[in-house]
Amino acid sequence: GIRKALVENDLVDCIVALPKQLFYNTGIPACIWFISRKRTGNGDRKRTGEILFIDASEVGHMEDKTHKTFSDEDMTKIAGTYHEWRKRDGKYENIKGFCKSANIEDVTKHNFVLTPGRYMGIKDEIDDGIPFAEKITGLTKKLAEQMAEEKKLDEEIKKQLKNIGFKLS
């Protein structure tokens, strides 16, 4: 297919996954593909055989209930990552859950799928120091409290509906 041809001909420079709700005409996420015939020179390092994947799907903030936007810092983070990766003396580093420089062999092994999340893994969860057993006990207790509250609210709703002439079974 077209992805295979683009990869095998070493034309894909970078793929950036964008968050959903970024565009006004659609709520679905989108990707930006950087295609380049010249992957060396102009002060850049030789990038042949490599593709930079950036997952910016969690970057940005909600502008209102339906639209997400990028701050200047968000744009600098995304663009800066790409520029550092390209530079001969760049300070680029793979960041788990955000960016990964993959080689064509990796992409071939993944059947030419060009989804950034496929290559970079998920971001490490920050350890809050609470042991799992203690955390699950607390969460279970909270769930039981919420279920009891739900039951009370359901009864109150039935009572109020009955007061206005509706009866639920």
Protein backbone atom coordinates (compact mmCIF):
# COMPACT_ATOMS: atom_id res chain seq x y z
CA GLY A 1 0.00 0.00 0.00
CA ILE A 2 0.85 3.67 0.09
CA ARG A 3 2.28 3.53 3.64
CA LYS A 4 4.66 0.74 2.67
CA ALA A 5 5.83 2.66 -0.41
CA LEU A 6 6.36 5.87 1.59
CA VAL A 7 8.36 4.04 4.26
CA GLU A 8 10.41 1.87 1.88
CA ASN A 9 11.29 4.94 -0.20
CA ASP A 10 12.39 6.69 3.02
CA LEU A 11 10.04 9.64 2.54
CA VAL A 12 8.33 9.74 5.96
CA ASP A 13 10.26 12.09 8.24
CA CYS A 14 7.84 12.56 11.14
CA ILE A 15 4.30 11.65 12.21
CA VAL A 16 2.54 13.78 14.85
CA ALA A 17 -0.68 12.45 16.40
CA LEU A 18 -2.95 15.32 17.40
CA PRO A 19 -5.68 15.28 20.06
CA LYS A 20 -9.38 14.96 19.33
CA GLN A 21 -11.52 18.12 19.41
CA LEU A 22 -8.68 20.26 18.05
CA PHE A 23 -10.51 21.30 14.86
CA TYR A 24 -13.85 23.08 14.65
CA ASN A 25 -15.13 21.03 11.72
CA THR A 26 -14.54 17.59 13.29
CA GLY A 27 -14.13 16.08 16.74
CA ILE A 28 -11.91 13.19 15.64
CA PRO A 29 -8.14 13.16 16.17
CA ALA A 30 -5.85 13.81 13.23
CA CYS A 31 -2.21 13.22 12.28
CA ILE A 32 0.34 15.46 10.62
CA TRP A 33 2.72 13.67 8.26
CA PHE A 34 6.05 15.30 7.42
CA ILE A 35 7.22 13.94 4.07
CA SER A 36 10.73 14.78 2.93
CA ARG A 37 12.84 13.75 -0.06
CA LYS A 38 15.95 15.39 1.41
CA ARG A 39 16.67 13.92 4.84
CA THR A 40 20.20 15.25 5.26
CA GLY A 41 22.04 18.53 4.72
CA ASN A 42 21.18 22.16 5.47
CA GLY A 43 22.77 21.78 8.90
CA ASP A 44 20.56 18.79 9.73
CA ARG A 45 21.91 15.38 10.68
CA LYS A 46 21.46 12.39 8.36
CA ARG A 47 18.01 10.93 9.20
CA THR A 48 17.71 8.31 6.48
CA GLY A 49 16.12 5.12 7.71
CA GLU A 50 14.49 6.85 10.70
CA ILE A 51 11.03 8.20 11.45
CA LEU A 52 10.17 10.44 14.39
CA PHE A 53 6.85 9.65 16.05
CA ILE A 54 5.29 12.28 18.32
CA ASP A 55 2.12 11.53 20.27
CA ALA A 56 0.60 14.91 21.10
CA SER A 57 -2.86 13.41 21.71
CA GLU A 58 -2.72 14.38 25.39
CA VAL A 59 -1.18 17.81 24.80
CA GLY A 60 -3.28 20.98 25.00
CA HIS A 61 -6.19 22.17 27.08
CA MET A 62 -9.93 22.51 26.57
CA GLU A 63 -10.77 25.98 25.26
CA ASP A 64 -14.47 25.33 25.89
CA LYS A 65 -16.67 22.25 26.24
CA THR A 66 -16.09 21.07 22.69
CA HIS A 67 -12.75 22.46 21.49
CA LYS A 68 -9.17 21.83 22.52
CA THR A 69 -6.33 24.25 21.85
CA PHE A 70 -2.55 24.37 22.12
CA SER A 71 -0.75 26.99 24.19
CA ASP A 72 2.47 28.57 22.92
CA GLU A 73 4.34 26.20 25.27
CA ASP A 74 2.55 23.19 23.76
CA MET A 75 3.51 24.29 20.24
CA THR A 76 7.10 24.89 21.34
CA LYS A 77 7.27 21.41 22.91
CA ILE A 78 6.02 19.67 19.76
CA ALA A 79 7.97 21.75 17.23
CA GLY A 80 11.06 21.81 19.46
CA THR A 81 11.07 18.02 19.67
CA TYR A 82 11.04 17.76 15.89
CA HIS A 83 13.77 20.39 15.43
CA GLU A 84 16.04 18.87 18.10
CA TRP A 85 15.64 15.45 16.42
CA ARG A 86 16.69 16.93 13.07
CA LYS A 87 19.70 18.90 14.34
CA ARG A 88 23.20 17.56 13.95
CA ASP A 89 24.00 18.47 17.57
CA GLY A 90 20.42 18.31 18.82
CA LYS A 91 19.51 17.35 22.36
CA TYR A 92 16.73 14.99 21.28
CA GLU A 93 15.79 12.10 23.58
CA ASN A 94 13.02 9.51 23.26
CA ILE A 95 10.35 10.25 25.88
CA LYS A 96 8.14 7.30 26.78
CA GLY A 97 4.54 8.14 25.91
CA PHE A 98 5.47 11.28 23.90
CA CYS A 99 8.14 10.72 21.24
CA LYS A 100 10.25 7.97 19.71
CA SER A 101 12.73 7.85 16.87
CA ALA A 102 12.11 4.51 15.17
CA ASN A 103 14.02 2.89 12.36
CA ILE A 104 12.50 1.45 9.20
CA GLU A 105 13.06 -2.10 10.49
CA ASP A 106 10.78 -1.33 13.49
CA VAL A 107 8.10 0.06 11.18
CA THR A 108 8.39 -2.94 8.85
CA LYS A 109 7.94 -5.31 11.83
CA HIS A 110 4.73 -3.42 12.67
CA ASN A 111 3.43 -3.96 9.13
CA PHE A 112 3.99 -0.28 8.19
CA VAL A 113 1.49 1.02 10.75
CA LEU A 114 2.34 4.69 11.28
CA THR A 115 0.48 5.30 14.55
CA PRO A 116 2.85 6.97 17.04
CA GLY A 117 1.51 5.10 20.08
CA ARG A 118 2.58 1.82 18.48
CA TYR A 119 6.26 2.73 18.88
CA MET A 120 6.70 4.75 22.05
CA GLY A 121 4.82 2.80 24.69
CA ILE A 122 2.80 4.36 27.48
CA LYS A 123 4.03 6.98 29.88
CA ASP A 124 5.22 5.62 33.22
CA GLU A 125 2.73 6.16 36.02
CA ILE A 126 4.06 8.26 38.86
CA ASP A 127 4.35 6.17 42.02
CA ASP A 128 2.35 7.88 44.75
CA GLY A 129 3.94 5.69 47.44
CA ILE A 130 0.63 4.07 48.43
CA PRO A 131 0.88 0.24 48.37
CA PHE A 132 -1.50 -1.43 45.90
CA ALA A 133 -3.40 -3.39 48.59
CA GLU A 134 -4.04 -0.18 50.53
CA LYS A 135 -5.06 1.70 47.38
CA ILE A 136 -7.53 -1.01 46.25
CA THR A 137 -9.06 -1.17 49.76
CA GLY A 138 -9.63 2.59 49.70
CA LEU A 139 -11.08 2.51 46.19
CA THR A 140 -13.39 -0.38 47.06
CA LYS A 141 -14.65 1.49 50.14
CA LYS A 142 -15.24 4.63 48.07
CA LEU A 143 -17.14 2.59 45.44
CA ALA A 144 -19.38 1.06 48.16
CA GLU A 145 -20.12 4.56 49.50
CA GLN A 146 -20.96 5.83 46.02
CA MET A 147 -23.24 2.85 45.36
CA ALA A 148 -25.08 3.48 48.66
CA GLU A 149 -25.47 7.15 47.70
CA GLU A 150 -26.75 6.09 44.27
CA LYS A 151 -29.39 3.92 45.95
CA LYS A 152 -30.53 6.85 48.14
CA LEU A 153 -30.72 9.17 45.13
CA ASP A 154 -32.70 6.60 43.12
CA GLU A 155 -35.24 6.34 45.96
CA GLU A 156 -35.48 10.14 46.16
CA ILE A 157 -36.08 10.34 42.40
CA LYS A 158 -38.84 7.71 42.63
CA LYS A 159 -40.42 9.62 45.53
CA GLN A 160 -40.34 12.94 43.65
CA LEU A 161 -41.75 11.34 40.48
CA LYS A 162 -44.55 9.79 42.54
CA ASN A 163 -45.31 13.25 43.99
CA ILE A 164 -45.95 14.59 40.48
CA GLY A 165 -48.03 11.61 39.41
CA PHE A 166 -45.54 9.19 37.86
CA LYS A 167 -44.90 5.73 39.22
CA LEU A 168 -41.82 3.67 38.46
CA SER A 169 -41.81 -0.05 39.10
